[in-house]
């Protein structure tokens, strides 16, 4: 019985990961909420300016803005 040669074993390669944008929340995917992403973008920019325009917290700004805008949209939807 021959010993297996490690160099002859099939190599496992890493799968390529495609860079896709994050999934939008369900409320952002509906046509009736058309400009939510634009509102979030504007609010995130306002937060950036309020912080003194210092880079490094873009993700935090976006998440805070998203939470605020989606919360307002949900409140407006419930009160209508």
C-alpha atoms as a PDB file:
ATOM      1  CA  UNK A   1       0.000   0.000   0.000  1.00  0.00           C
ATOM      2  CA  UNK A   2       1.530   3.280  -1.100  1.00  0.00           C
ATOM      3  CA  UNK A   3       1.619   6.272   1.224  1.00  0.00           C
ATOM      4  CA  UNK A   4      -0.272   9.332   0.097  1.00  0.00           C
ATOM      5  CA  UNK A   5       1.903  12.165  -1.040  1.00  0.00           C
ATOM      6  CA  UNK A   6       0.561  15.467   0.418  1.00  0.00           C
ATOM      7  CA  UNK A   7       1.593  17.344  -2.710  1.00  0.00           C
ATOM      8  CA  UNK A   8      -0.571  15.094  -4.881  1.00  0.00           C
ATOM      9  CA  UNK A   9      -3.726  15.712  -2.826  1.00  0.00           C
ATOM     10  CA  UNK A  10      -6.257  17.983  -4.494  1.00  0.00           C
ATOM     11  CA  UNK A  11      -5.970  21.557  -3.306  1.00  0.00           C
ATOM     12  CA  UNK A  12      -8.934  23.377  -1.905  1.00  0.00           C
ATOM     13  CA  UNK A  13      -9.329  26.882  -3.131  1.00  0.00           C
ATOM     14  CA  UNK A  14     -11.252  29.698  -1.537  1.00  0.00           C
ATOM     15  CA  UNK A  15     -14.454  30.674  -3.240  1.00  0.00           C
ATOM     16  CA  UNK A  16     -14.523  34.156  -4.658  1.00  0.00           C
ATOM     17  CA  UNK A  17     -16.897  36.368  -2.747  1.00  0.00           C
ATOM     18  CA  UNK A  18     -18.785  38.845  -4.860  1.00  0.00           C
ATOM     19  CA  UNK A  19     -19.038  42.340  -3.482  1.00  0.00           C
ATOM     20  CA  UNK A  20     -22.719  43.139  -3.396  1.00  0.00           C
ATOM     21  CA  UNK A  21     -24.364  46.109  -1.745  1.00  0.00           C
ATOM     22  CA  UNK A  22     -26.135  45.435   1.539  1.00  0.00           C
ATOM     23  CA  UNK A  23     -29.738  44.355   1.263  1.00  0.00           C
ATOM     24  CA  UNK A  24     -32.207  47.143   1.728  1.00  0.00           C
ATOM     25  CA  UNK A  25     -34.732  46.742   4.479  1.00  0.00           C
ATOM     26  CA  UNK A  26     -38.217  45.675   3.313  1.00  0.00           C
ATOM     27  CA  UNK A  27     -39.625  49.159   3.790  1.00  0.00           C
ATOM     28  CA  UNK A  28     -36.929  50.573   1.518  1.00  0.00           C
ATOM     29  CA  UNK A  29     -37.804  48.099  -1.240  1.00  0.00           C
ATOM     30  CA  UNK A  30     -41.371  49.266  -1.742  1.00  0.00           C
ATOM     31  CA  UNK A  31     -42.193  51.820  -4.393  1.00  0.00           C
ATOM     32  CA  UNK A  32     -44.490  53.762  -2.046  1.00  0.00           C
ATOM     33  CA  UNK A  33     -41.480  54.728   0.084  1.00  0.00           C
ATOM     34  CA  UNK A  34     -39.616  55.914  -3.020  1.00  0.00           C
ATOM     35  CA  UNK A  35     -37.037  58.319  -1.651  1.00  0.00           C
ATOM     36  CA  UNK A  36     -36.197  56.790   1.720  1.00  0.00           C
ATOM     37  CA  UNK A  37     -32.635  56.030   0.684  1.00  0.00           C
ATOM     38  CA  UNK A  38     -32.150  59.618  -0.462  1.00  0.00           C
ATOM     39  CA  UNK A  39     -33.551  60.886   2.857  1.00  0.00           C
ATOM     40  CA  UNK A  40     -31.183  58.598   4.734  1.00  0.00           C
ATOM     41  CA  UNK A  41     -28.268  59.836   2.636  1.00  0.00           C
ATOM     42  CA  UNK A  42     -29.143  63.472   3.376  1.00  0.00           C
ATOM     43  CA  UNK A  43     -29.584  62.828   7.108  1.00  0.00           C
ATOM     44  CA  UNK A  44     -26.278  60.943   7.273  1.00  0.00           C
ATOM     45  CA  UNK A  45     -24.596  63.932   5.630  1.00  0.00           C
ATOM     46  CA  UNK A  46     -26.220  66.285   8.166  1.00  0.00           C
ATOM     47  CA  UNK A  47     -24.855  64.105  10.978  1.00  0.00           C
ATOM     48  CA  UNK A  48     -21.410  64.218   9.358  1.00  0.00           C
ATOM     49  CA  UNK A  49     -21.550  68.003   9.222  1.00  0.00           C
ATOM     50  CA  UNK A  50     -22.740  68.191  12.846  1.00  0.00           C
ATOM     51  CA  UNK A  51     -19.681  66.151  13.870  1.00  0.00           C
ATOM     52  CA  UNK A  52     -17.436  68.788  12.300  1.00  0.00           C
ATOM     53  CA  UNK A  53     -16.971  66.976   8.963  1.00  0.00           C
ATOM     54  CA  UNK A  54     -14.405  64.600  10.409  1.00  0.00           C
ATOM     55  CA  UNK A  55     -14.074  61.331   8.500  1.00  0.00           C
ATOM     56  CA  UNK A  56     -14.137  57.892  10.070  1.00  0.00           C
ATOM     57  CA  UNK A  57     -17.721  57.493  11.299  1.00  0.00           C
ATOM     58  CA  UNK A  58     -19.558  57.108   7.997  1.00  0.00           C
ATOM     59  CA  UNK A  59     -21.120  53.781   8.950  1.00  0.00           C
ATOM     60  CA  UNK A  60     -22.327  55.126  12.293  1.00  0.00           C
ATOM     61  CA  UNK A  61     -23.800  58.203  10.591  1.00  0.00           C
ATOM     62  CA  UNK A  62     -25.599  56.003   8.068  1.00  0.00           C
ATOM     63  CA  UNK A  63     -27.016  53.663  10.709  1.00  0.00           C
ATOM     64  CA  UNK A  64     -28.274  56.522  12.892  1.00  0.00           C
ATOM     65  CA  UNK A  65     -29.792  58.254   9.869  1.00  0.00           C
ATOM     66  CA  UNK A  66     -31.425  55.020   8.688  1.00  0.00           C
ATOM     67  CA  UNK A  67     -32.926  54.391  12.117  1.00  0.00           C
ATOM     68  CA  UNK A  68     -34.315  57.955  12.311  1.00  0.00           C
ATOM     69  CA  UNK A  69     -35.746  58.030   8.797  1.00  0.00           C
ATOM     70  CA  UNK A  70     -37.279  54.552   8.949  1.00  0.00           C
ATOM     71  CA  UNK A  71     -38.753  55.316  12.368  1.00  0.00           C
ATOM     72  CA  UNK A  72     -40.379  58.477  10.999  1.00  0.00           C
ATOM     73  CA  UNK A  73     -41.658  56.585   7.961  1.00  0.00           C
ATOM     74  CA  UNK A  74     -43.139  53.858  10.164  1.00  0.00           C
ATOM     75  CA  UNK A  75     -44.802  56.446  12.422  1.00  0.00           C
ATOM     76  CA  UNK A  76     -46.234  58.283   9.432  1.00  0.00           C
ATOM     77  CA  UNK A  77     -47.554  54.985   8.060  1.00  0.00           C
ATOM     78  CA  UNK A  78     -49.287  54.091  11.326  1.00  0.00           C
ATOM     79  CA  UNK A  79     -50.869  57.486  11.791  1.00  0.00           C
ATOM     80  CA  UNK A  80     -52.238  57.706   8.243  1.00  0.00           C
END
